[in-house]
Amino acid sequence: MSNSKIIKLKDNNNKYDVSQLSEIDKNNIQYIASHSIENISDNILIFPNSFDEIKDLNEKSTIFNLYDNKIHTNNLMGFISYNNTQIKISSRFALDDNKDYFLHYMLMKVLSLNIINLEHSAYNDDSFDFLIYIFAIFFKSALRQGLFKQYKLIKHNDSNVKGAIDINRYIKNNIPFNGKISYNTREYSYDNNITQLIRHTIEYINTKNRYILNSDNEIKDYTHQIFYSTSSYEKNKRESIINKNLKKLLHPYYYEYEPLRRICIQILRYEKLKYGSNDNTVYGLLFDGAYLFEEYLNTFLSKEKFIHTESRNTKNGNSIKLLNNAWRVYPDFYKLSDGNECNIVLDAKYKRLNKEDNENIDRNDKHQIVSYSFTLNAKKAGFIYPLEENDFKQNTENTYIGNLNNEYNNNINCEIHKFALKIPNQNFNNIKEFAEEMKKIEDELIGYLK
């Protein structure tokens, strides 16, 4: 298998010209761009795992678009491969393709993973590390449901008959008669195809990067359960185990095991995918930047008593109801005063909002923040978004958009702002240095919001 060129993109960008690529790569890119996610999703994992949690994407969306020989990316980051064409989409804040610290940092915070001391895997890019992160979170979610058990055919040969007699085995093993009967039973077993697949995945990960699975006590505990339950494990049966797990898990009780099954197969086939595969299947792992950014903001805004409404699953919804209680409003974040008045409401946007001309703000976003401000009678409101350090200016003059009042209603006088989260673009030696700098920046933003 030959190592093909990796096409390197960044999110929210439309500058990559495909005209200089080979016809094979161009055709493969056109194939991906012309199909919706639902049509090519069998071997693609998207985090979060449910479209109910994603604002701007659905099953009908595409991974990226292709217009006038240029690739137009959106909020999705990660990697995709199709017929020997590999595509990597980094965050737009990455200094280079192998130091996408902001994406690593958001994942670390949102998934509650300790990757500060992480040494990257032996590969030249961090795609494999991302697979490990997602394996860790799916692994914990699945094992919290309980260890997977499955009916298994057990072959017996003793005098305690309690199943269907196997005549052929009886003749082969027990003639002349020796007091034993050959018979078969179907019994629940924890040593099955799924737990074997998980065992093979853990063993494989440990040959590449042992740190991440040993940095979390919950993962270590579940790993011991898997090892204890898979006594029939044999290293040379990996391909056989993969083939036995290609069918989707449909049992509703083990809902969390389906994404784990898929990520296990992705990891065990990573070598094949990395160096190219001609099986007309799109493979990949993608992260929704808008979801990650909002959930990341919540990791430190919640400590300052900001309420995260999580509108997609209706948790913590604001108590104000509209249209005779027909619906409720769900701003991303809001904060109340001691008297339960709304001090500030924030709308998280993983978008480019750094231009001084505020007319570039999307019309729907404008309507949304105005609606939230009126509904909550907020004193201040604004968009909170990530911004490259080189473009960063955070003061009243640069963030202020205007006051929300008009000739029809002067009782509302809410200030509207654009609040930027500065993303450093220094050449850090490791993610630990980046994380230390981000903590300072988060504190600065909290201070400014206050």
Protein backbone atom coordinates (compact mmCIF):
# COMPACT_ATOMS: atom_id res chain seq x y z
CA MET A 1 0.00 0.00 0.00
CA SER A 2 1.46 3.35 -1.00
CA ASN A 3 1.37 6.39 1.24
CA SER A 4 -0.66 9.03 -0.60
CA LYS A 5 -0.53 12.76 -0.12
CA ILE A 6 -2.66 14.23 2.67
CA ILE A 7 -4.76 17.21 1.57
CA LYS A 8 -4.62 19.69 4.45
CA LEU A 9 -7.51 22.09 5.05
CA LYS A 10 -8.72 24.38 7.82
CA ASP A 11 -12.24 24.93 9.07
CA ASN A 12 -14.43 27.82 7.88
CA ASN A 13 -12.25 28.41 4.85
CA ASN A 14 -12.78 28.59 1.10
CA LYS A 15 -9.25 29.06 -0.18
CA TYR A 16 -8.07 25.55 -1.08
CA ASP A 17 -7.73 25.30 -4.85
CA VAL A 18 -8.07 21.74 -6.17
CA SER A 19 -7.11 22.54 -9.76
CA GLN A 20 -3.50 21.40 -9.19
CA LEU A 21 -4.48 18.03 -7.75
CA SER A 22 -4.50 14.78 -9.67
CA GLU A 23 -7.67 13.76 -11.45
CA ILE A 24 -8.08 10.88 -8.98
CA ASP A 25 -7.96 13.22 -5.97
CA LYS A 26 -10.29 15.72 -7.63
CA ASN A 27 -12.83 13.01 -8.42
CA ASN A 28 -12.66 11.67 -4.88
CA ILE A 29 -13.13 15.15 -3.41
CA GLN A 30 -16.07 15.74 -5.75
CA TYR A 31 -17.62 12.46 -4.58
CA ILE A 32 -17.40 13.46 -0.90
CA ALA A 33 -18.68 17.00 -1.56
CA SER A 34 -21.66 15.78 -3.59
CA HIS A 35 -23.00 13.38 -0.96
CA SER A 36 -24.87 14.17 2.24
CA ILE A 37 -23.53 12.85 5.52
CA GLU A 38 -26.32 10.27 5.80
CA ASN A 39 -25.37 8.79 2.41
CA ILE A 40 -21.71 8.21 3.38
CA SER A 41 -21.96 7.91 7.15
CA ASP A 42 -21.58 4.15 7.67
CA ASN A 43 -17.85 4.45 8.36
CA ILE A 44 -17.72 8.07 9.51
CA LEU A 45 -17.93 9.00 13.17
CA ILE A 46 -19.10 12.49 14.04
CA PHE A 47 -18.75 13.92 17.53
CA PRO A 48 -21.13 14.57 19.18
CA ASN A 49 -22.73 11.27 18.34
CA SER A 50 -26.26 12.64 17.91
CA PHE A 51 -27.41 15.30 15.43
CA ASP A 52 -29.87 16.44 18.11
CA GLU A 53 -26.91 18.08 19.84
CA ILE A 54 -25.61 19.87 16.74
CA LYS A 55 -26.95 23.30 15.81
CA ASP A 56 -25.87 23.87 12.24
CA LEU A 57 -25.55 20.34 10.86
CA ASN A 58 -27.97 17.55 10.08
CA GLU A 59 -27.99 14.29 8.13
CA LYS A 60 -28.62 16.20 4.88
CA SER A 61 -25.52 18.41 5.30
CA THR A 62 -22.28 17.80 3.46
CA ILE A 63 -18.82 17.52 5.02
CA PHE A 64 -17.61 20.35 2.77
CA ASN A 65 -18.63 21.95 -0.52
CA LEU A 66 -16.81 22.35 -3.82
CA TYR A 67 -17.41 25.49 -5.90
CA ASP A 68 -15.29 26.89 -8.73
CA ASN A 69 -12.49 24.40 -8.02
CA LYS A 70 -12.27 25.54 -4.38
CA ILE A 71 -13.12 23.58 -1.26
CA HIS A 72 -15.40 25.44 1.14
CA THR A 73 -15.16 24.01 4.66
CA ASN A 74 -17.55 24.65 7.56
CA ASN A 75 -17.39 23.92 11.30
CA LEU A 76 -16.27 20.30 10.88
CA MET A 77 -12.73 19.29 11.79
CA GLY A 78 -11.01 15.92 11.66
CA PHE A 79 -9.97 13.56 8.89
CA ILE A 80 -11.60 11.72 5.99
CA SER A 81 -10.25 9.17 3.53
CA TYR A 82 -11.75 7.84 0.33
CA ASN A 83 -10.03 5.65 -2.27
CA ASN A 84 -6.45 6.65 -1.39
CA THR A 85 -7.34 10.33 -0.96
CA GLN A 86 -6.75 11.53 2.60
CA ILE A 87 -8.12 14.86 3.82
CA LYS A 88 -7.29 16.47 7.14
CA ILE A 89 -9.28 19.48 8.39
CA SER A 90 -7.54 21.35 11.23
CA SER A 91 -8.96 24.21 13.24
CA ARG A 92 -8.21 27.59 11.74
CA PHE A 93 -6.20 28.39 14.87
CA ALA A 94 -3.58 25.67 14.27
CA LEU A 95 -0.09 27.06 13.62
CA ASP A 96 0.72 23.91 11.68
CA ASP A 97 -1.10 20.67 10.98
CA ASN A 98 0.57 18.76 13.80
CA LYS A 99 0.09 21.41 16.48
CA ASP A 100 -3.66 21.93 16.52
CA TYR A 101 -3.51 22.77 20.20
CA PHE A 102 -6.85 24.57 20.33
CA LEU A 103 -8.76 21.51 19.08
CA HIS A 104 -6.84 19.25 21.48
CA TYR A 105 -7.52 21.68 24.33
CA MET A 106 -11.27 21.92 23.66
CA LEU A 107 -11.50 18.12 23.53
CA MET A 108 -9.53 17.82 26.75
CA LYS A 109 -11.90 20.19 28.55
CA VAL A 110 -15.18 18.93 27.08
CA LEU A 111 -14.36 15.22 27.44
CA SER A 112 -12.71 15.69 30.86
CA LEU A 113 -9.55 13.98 29.63
CA ASN A 114 -6.14 14.49 31.16
CA ILE A 115 -3.96 14.95 28.09
CA ILE A 116 -1.69 17.69 29.44
CA ASN A 117 1.24 15.27 29.60
CA LEU A 118 0.26 13.46 26.43
CA GLU A 119 3.03 12.43 24.10
CA HIS A 120 1.72 12.20 20.58
CA SER A 121 1.53 8.81 18.97
CA ALA A 122 4.22 7.47 16.72
CA TYR A 123 2.42 8.76 13.63
CA ASN A 124 3.35 12.01 11.90
CA ASP A 125 -0.08 13.54 12.52
CA ASP A 126 -2.50 13.59 15.43
CA SER A 127 -5.40 11.78 13.77
CA PHE A 128 -4.72 8.63 15.77
CA ASP A 129 -4.71 10.62 19.00
CA PHE A 130 -8.20 11.93 18.19
CA LEU A 131 -9.41 8.36 17.68
CA ILE A 132 -8.06 7.47 21.14
CA TYR A 133 -9.83 10.44 22.76
CA ILE A 134 -13.17 9.39 21.28
CA PHE A 135 -12.55 5.75 22.15
CA ALA A 136 -12.00 6.81 25.77
CA ILE A 137 -15.30 8.69 26.02
CA PHE A 138 -17.33 6.01 24.17
CA PHE A 139 -15.65 3.29 26.23
CA LYS A 140 -16.70 4.91 29.50
CA SER A 141 -20.25 5.59 28.27
CA ALA A 142 -20.72 1.99 27.15
CA LEU A 143 -19.24 0.29 30.22
CA ARG A 144 -21.41 2.45 32.50
CA GLN A 145 -24.34 0.52 31.02
CA GLY A 146 -22.75 -2.71 32.18
CA LEU A 147 -20.43 -5.24 30.62
CA PHE A 148 -21.76 -6.45 27.28
CA LYS A 149 -23.14 -9.98 27.41
CA GLN A 150 -24.30 -12.10 24.54
CA TYR A 151 -25.65 -15.59 23.95
CA LYS A 152 -22.84 -17.97 23.06
CA LEU A 153 -22.87 -21.61 21.95
CA ILE A 154 -21.04 -23.66 24.59
CA LYS A 155 -19.90 -27.17 23.71
CA HIS A 156 -19.88 -29.63 26.63
CA ASN A 157 -18.70 -33.19 26.98
CA ASP A 158 -19.57 -34.55 30.43
CA SER A 159 -22.21 -36.56 32.27
CA ASN A 160 -24.38 -33.57 33.32
CA VAL A 161 -26.56 -33.30 30.22
CA LYS A 162 -28.60 -30.08 30.13
CA GLY A 163 -28.81 -29.14 26.47
CA ALA A 164 -29.17 -30.47 22.94
CA ILE A 165 -27.14 -33.65 22.37
CA ASP A 166 -24.55 -33.36 19.59
CA ILE A 167 -24.65 -36.84 17.98
CA ASN A 168 -21.63 -36.31 15.71
CA ARG A 169 -19.39 -35.15 18.54
CA TYR A 170 -20.70 -37.94 20.79
CA ILE A 171 -19.73 -40.62 18.25
CA LYS A 172 -16.36 -39.00 17.66
CA ASN A 173 -15.41 -38.49 21.32
CA ASN A 174 -17.31 -41.06 23.37
CA ILE A 175 -17.40 -44.36 21.41
CA PRO A 176 -16.76 -46.77 22.97
CA PHE A 177 -18.95 -45.34 25.74
CA ASN A 178 -16.92 -43.64 28.49
CA GLY A 179 -19.73 -42.22 30.63
CA LYS A 180 -19.76 -38.80 28.90
CA ILE A 181 -22.32 -37.19 26.60
CA SER A 182 -21.57 -34.46 24.04
CA TYR A 183 -24.16 -31.67 24.12
CA ASN A 184 -24.50 -27.92 23.41
CA THR A 185 -26.04 -25.07 25.38
CA ARG A 186 -26.68 -21.39 24.66
CA GLU A 187 -25.61 -19.29 27.60
CA TYR A 188 -25.01 -15.63 28.28
CA SER A 189 -21.30 -14.91 28.23
CA TYR A 190 -19.17 -11.81 28.82
CA ASP A 191 -16.49 -13.35 26.60
CA ASN A 192 -18.07 -12.54 23.22
CA ASN A 193 -17.36 -10.84 19.91
CA ILE A 194 -17.93 -7.30 21.24
CA THR A 195 -15.77 -7.64 24.37
CA GLN A 196 -13.12 -9.35 22.26
CA LEU A 197 -13.21 -6.40 19.83
CA ILE A 198 -12.75 -3.98 22.73
CA ARG A 199 -9.88 -6.11 24.11
CA HIS A 200 -8.10 -6.11 20.73
CA THR A 201 -8.55 -2.32 20.51
CA ILE A 202 -7.08 -1.70 23.96
CA GLU A 203 -4.14 -3.99 23.21
CA TYR A 204 -3.54 -2.16 19.92
CA ILE A 205 -3.76 1.30 21.51
CA ASN A 206 -1.25 0.27 24.16
CA THR A 207 1.31 -0.55 21.47
CA LYS A 208 1.03 3.04 20.15
CA ASN A 209 0.23 5.26 23.12
CA ARG A 210 -0.14 3.80 26.62
CA TYR A 211 -0.61 7.11 28.45
CA ILE A 212 -4.21 8.07 27.70
CA LEU A 213 -5.76 4.77 28.89
CA ASN A 214 -3.71 4.84 32.08
CA SER A 215 -4.42 8.45 33.04
CA ASP A 216 -8.05 7.88 34.02
CA ASN A 217 -9.03 5.64 36.96
CA GLU A 218 -12.46 4.88 35.51
CA ILE A 219 -10.91 3.70 32.23
CA LYS A 220 -8.37 1.58 34.10
CA ASP A 221 -11.14 -0.07 36.11
CA TYR A 222 -13.20 -0.85 32.99
CA THR A 223 -10.08 -2.12 31.21
CA HIS A 224 -9.51 -4.63 34.02
CA GLN A 225 -13.12 -5.81 33.60
CA ILE A 226 -12.60 -6.36 29.86
CA PHE A 227 -9.31 -8.22 30.39
CA TYR A 228 -10.81 -10.42 33.11
CA SER A 229 -13.82 -11.28 30.92
CA THR A 230 -11.94 -12.16 27.70
CA SER A 231 -9.93 -15.20 28.72
CA SER A 232 -10.10 -16.61 25.18
CA TYR A 233 -8.26 -13.58 23.70
CA GLU A 234 -5.68 -14.40 21.02
CA LYS A 235 -3.68 -11.65 19.36
CA ASN A 236 -3.57 -13.34 15.95
CA LYS A 237 -7.38 -13.44 15.69
CA ARG A 238 -7.77 -9.66 15.29
CA GLU A 239 -8.95 -9.71 11.67
CA SER A 240 -11.41 -12.50 12.43
CA ILE A 241 -12.85 -10.53 15.35
CA ILE A 242 -13.19 -7.40 13.19
CA ASN A 243 -15.13 -9.35 10.55
CA LYS A 244 -17.47 -10.75 13.21
CA ASN A 245 -18.30 -7.21 14.37
CA LEU A 246 -19.10 -5.50 11.07
CA LYS A 247 -22.85 -5.73 11.69
CA LYS A 248 -24.53 -2.82 13.44
CA LEU A 249 -25.71 -3.39 17.03
CA LEU A 250 -29.48 -2.90 17.19
CA HIS A 251 -30.38 -3.93 20.73
CA PRO A 252 -31.73 -0.76 22.44
CA TYR A 253 -30.35 -1.74 25.85
CA TYR A 254 -26.80 -1.55 24.54
CA TYR A 255 -27.29 1.71 22.64
CA GLU A 256 -23.95 3.11 23.86
CA TYR A 257 -22.03 0.10 22.51
CA GLU A 258 -22.76 0.90 18.86
CA PRO A 259 -20.51 4.00 18.63
CA LEU A 260 -17.89 2.09 20.64
CA ARG A 261 -18.03 -0.79 18.13
CA ARG A 262 -17.53 1.66 15.27
CA ILE A 263 -14.60 3.50 16.85
CA CYS A 264 -12.92 0.17 17.68
CA ILE A 265 -13.06 -0.88 14.03
CA GLN A 266 -11.75 2.53 12.94
CA ILE A 267 -8.78 2.19 15.29
CA LEU A 268 -7.96 -1.40 14.37
CA ARG A 269 -8.10 -0.51 10.67
CA TYR A 270 -6.17 2.73 11.04
CA GLU A 271 -3.03 1.48 9.30
CA LYS A 272 -5.10 0.45 6.31
CA LEU A 273 -7.00 3.75 6.21
CA LYS A 274 -3.89 5.87 6.69
CA TYR A 275 -2.06 4.34 3.79
CA GLY A 276 -5.05 4.20 1.51
CA SER A 277 -7.91 1.87 0.71
CA ASN A 278 -9.61 1.25 -2.60
CA ASP A 279 -12.90 -0.14 -1.31
CA ASN A 280 -15.14 2.79 -2.39
CA THR A 281 -15.96 3.62 1.23
CA VAL A 282 -15.60 6.97 2.99
CA TYR A 283 -13.88 6.66 6.36
CA GLY A 284 -13.32 9.37 8.92
CA LEU A 285 -13.66 11.02 12.30
CA LEU A 286 -15.13 14.53 12.44
CA PHE A 287 -15.75 17.03 15.24
CA ASP A 288 -18.38 19.76 15.14
CA GLY A 289 -16.52 22.95 16.07
CA ALA A 290 -19.67 24.86 17.07
CA TYR A 291 -20.68 22.16 19.56
CA LEU A 292 -17.16 21.82 20.97
CA PHE A 293 -16.74 25.58 21.35
CA GLU A 294 -20.05 26.03 23.18
CA GLU A 295 -19.40 23.08 25.51
CA TYR A 296 -15.85 24.29 26.11
CA LEU A 297 -17.11 27.76 27.08
CA ASN A 298 -19.42 26.10 29.57
CA THR A 299 -16.45 24.49 31.37
CA PHE A 300 -15.41 27.90 32.74
CA LEU A 301 -18.51 30.12 32.37
CA SER A 302 -20.54 27.75 34.54
CA LYS A 303 -18.09 28.39 37.40
CA GLU A 304 -19.14 32.06 37.21
CA LYS A 305 -22.85 31.17 37.58
CA PHE A 306 -23.64 31.43 33.89
CA ILE A 307 -26.54 29.15 33.00
CA HIS A 308 -26.01 26.97 29.94
CA THR A 309 -29.44 26.26 28.51
CA GLU A 310 -28.51 23.23 26.41
CA SER A 311 -31.54 23.82 24.24
CA ARG A 312 -31.15 20.67 22.21
CA ASN A 313 -32.15 18.52 25.17
CA THR A 314 -34.25 21.21 26.95
CA LYS A 315 -32.22 21.20 30.16
CA ASN A 316 -32.04 24.43 32.17
CA GLY A 317 -34.40 26.20 29.78
CA ASN A 318 -35.22 29.79 30.65
CA SER A 319 -38.50 30.02 32.54
CA ILE A 320 -39.98 32.68 30.25
CA LYS A 321 -42.49 31.14 27.87
CA LEU A 322 -43.78 32.71 24.68
CA LEU A 323 -46.97 32.60 22.61
CA ASN A 324 -49.27 31.32 25.35
CA ASN A 325 -46.64 28.83 26.50
CA ALA A 326 -46.30 27.40 22.97
CA TRP A 327 -42.51 27.59 23.15
CA ARG A 328 -39.58 28.76 25.22
CA VAL A 329 -36.37 30.57 24.35
CA TYR A 330 -32.97 28.94 24.89
CA PRO A 331 -30.01 31.34 24.72
CA ASP A 332 -26.63 29.62 24.95
CA PHE A 333 -25.67 31.35 28.22
CA TYR A 334 -27.25 33.84 30.56
CA LYS A 335 -26.56 35.13 34.05
CA LEU A 336 -29.05 36.40 36.60
CA SER A 337 -28.62 38.99 39.31
CA ASP A 338 -29.52 38.30 42.94
CA GLY A 339 -32.96 39.67 42.14
CA ASN A 340 -33.38 37.19 39.27
CA GLU A 341 -32.98 39.90 36.64
CA CYS A 342 -30.92 39.02 33.57
CA ASN A 343 -27.55 40.75 33.76
CA ILE A 344 -26.18 39.37 30.51
CA VAL A 345 -27.09 36.94 27.75
CA LEU A 346 -24.48 35.39 25.44
CA ASP A 347 -24.75 33.64 22.10
CA ALA A 348 -21.75 31.37 21.31
CA LYS A 349 -20.60 31.53 17.68
CA TYR A 350 -17.78 29.47 16.20
CA LYS A 351 -17.59 31.99 13.39
CA ARG A 352 -15.39 34.76 12.04
CA LEU A 353 -16.83 37.93 13.63
CA ASN A 354 -13.67 40.01 13.87
CA LYS A 355 -14.45 42.47 11.07
CA GLU A 356 -15.16 45.99 12.29
CA ASP A 357 -18.14 46.26 9.95
CA ASN A 358 -20.96 44.76 12.03
CA GLU A 359 -23.10 44.37 8.93
CA ASN A 360 -21.17 41.16 8.21
CA ILE A 361 -22.95 39.45 11.10
CA ASP A 362 -25.47 36.93 9.81
CA ARG A 363 -29.04 38.25 9.74
CA ASN A 364 -30.40 35.26 11.68
CA ASP A 365 -27.77 35.76 14.38
CA LYS A 366 -28.79 39.42 14.71
CA HIS A 367 -32.45 38.49 15.05
CA GLN A 368 -31.59 35.83 17.61
CA ILE A 369 -29.61 38.08 19.95
CA VAL A 370 -32.28 40.81 19.70
CA SER A 371 -34.97 38.24 20.53
CA TYR A 372 -33.04 36.97 23.55
CA SER A 373 -32.39 40.50 24.79
CA PHE A 374 -36.04 41.56 24.58
CA THR A 375 -37.38 38.30 26.00
CA LEU A 376 -35.04 38.25 28.99
CA ASN A 377 -35.00 42.04 29.46
CA ALA A 378 -31.21 41.77 29.58
CA LYS A 379 -28.95 44.63 30.58
CA LYS A 380 -26.20 43.43 28.26
CA ALA A 381 -26.01 40.87 25.48
CA GLY A 382 -23.56 39.77 22.88
CA PHE A 383 -21.83 37.20 20.76
CA ILE A 384 -18.91 35.28 22.21
CA TYR A 385 -16.54 33.88 19.60
CA PRO A 386 -12.92 32.71 19.11
CA LEU A 387 -10.43 35.11 17.54
CA GLU A 388 -6.82 34.81 16.43
CA GLU A 389 -4.42 36.61 18.74
CA ASN A 390 -3.08 38.84 15.92
CA ASP A 391 -6.56 40.34 15.39
CA PHE A 392 -7.44 40.65 19.06
CA LYS A 393 -8.51 43.97 20.59
CA GLN A 394 -10.76 43.68 23.62
CA ASN A 395 -11.99 46.99 24.94
CA THR A 396 -15.31 48.81 25.06
CA GLU A 397 -14.65 50.68 21.83
CA ASN A 398 -13.86 47.53 19.87
CA THR A 399 -16.57 45.26 21.26
CA TYR A 400 -19.53 47.63 21.45
CA ILE A 401 -22.10 47.28 18.64
CA GLY A 402 -24.93 49.47 19.91
CA ASN A 403 -27.84 49.84 22.30
CA LEU A 404 -31.09 47.99 21.79
CA ASN A 405 -33.66 50.74 21.69
CA ASN A 406 -35.87 52.33 19.07
CA GLU A 407 -38.55 54.94 18.54
CA TYR A 408 -41.28 52.47 19.50
CA ASN A 409 -39.86 51.25 22.80
CA ASN A 410 -37.27 53.19 24.78
CA ASN A 411 -37.73 51.11 27.93
CA ILE A 412 -35.29 48.49 26.63
CA ASN A 413 -31.74 49.80 26.68
CA CYS A 414 -29.60 46.70 26.37
CA GLU A 415 -25.98 47.03 25.24
CA ILE A 416 -25.00 44.61 22.45
CA HIS A 417 -21.35 43.55 22.17
CA LYS A 418 -19.00 41.15 20.45
CA PHE A 419 -16.88 39.39 23.07
CA ALA A 420 -13.79 37.69 21.66
CA LEU A 421 -11.94 34.78 23.20
CA LYS A 422 -8.31 35.28 22.22
CA ILE A 423 -6.66 32.16 20.78
CA PRO A 424 -2.86 32.43 21.14
CA ASN A 425 -0.73 31.76 18.09
CA GLN A 426 2.65 31.55 19.75
CA ASN A 427 4.90 28.64 18.88
CA PHE A 428 4.34 26.59 22.05
CA ASN A 429 6.57 23.60 22.77
CA ASN A 430 3.69 21.44 23.98
CA ILE A 431 0.01 21.49 24.87
CA LYS A 432 0.79 22.06 28.55
CA GLU A 433 2.20 25.50 27.73
CA PHE A 434 -0.83 26.22 25.54
CA ALA A 435 -3.22 25.16 28.33
CA GLU A 436 -1.49 27.44 30.84
CA GLU A 437 -1.87 30.38 28.47
CA MET A 438 -5.52 29.56 27.79
CA LYS A 439 -6.28 29.56 31.52
CA LYS A 440 -4.97 33.14 31.73
CA ILE A 441 -7.06 34.14 28.71
CA GLU A 442 -10.21 32.58 30.18
CA ASP A 443 -9.66 34.54 33.40
CA GLU A 444 -9.17 37.75 31.40
CA LEU A 445 -12.45 37.18 29.54
CA ILE A 446 -14.34 36.49 32.76
CA GLY A 447 -12.92 39.70 34.21
CA TYR A 448 -14.02 41.63 31.13
CA LEU A 449 -17.54 40.16 31.25
CA LYS A 450 -17.83 41.21 34.87
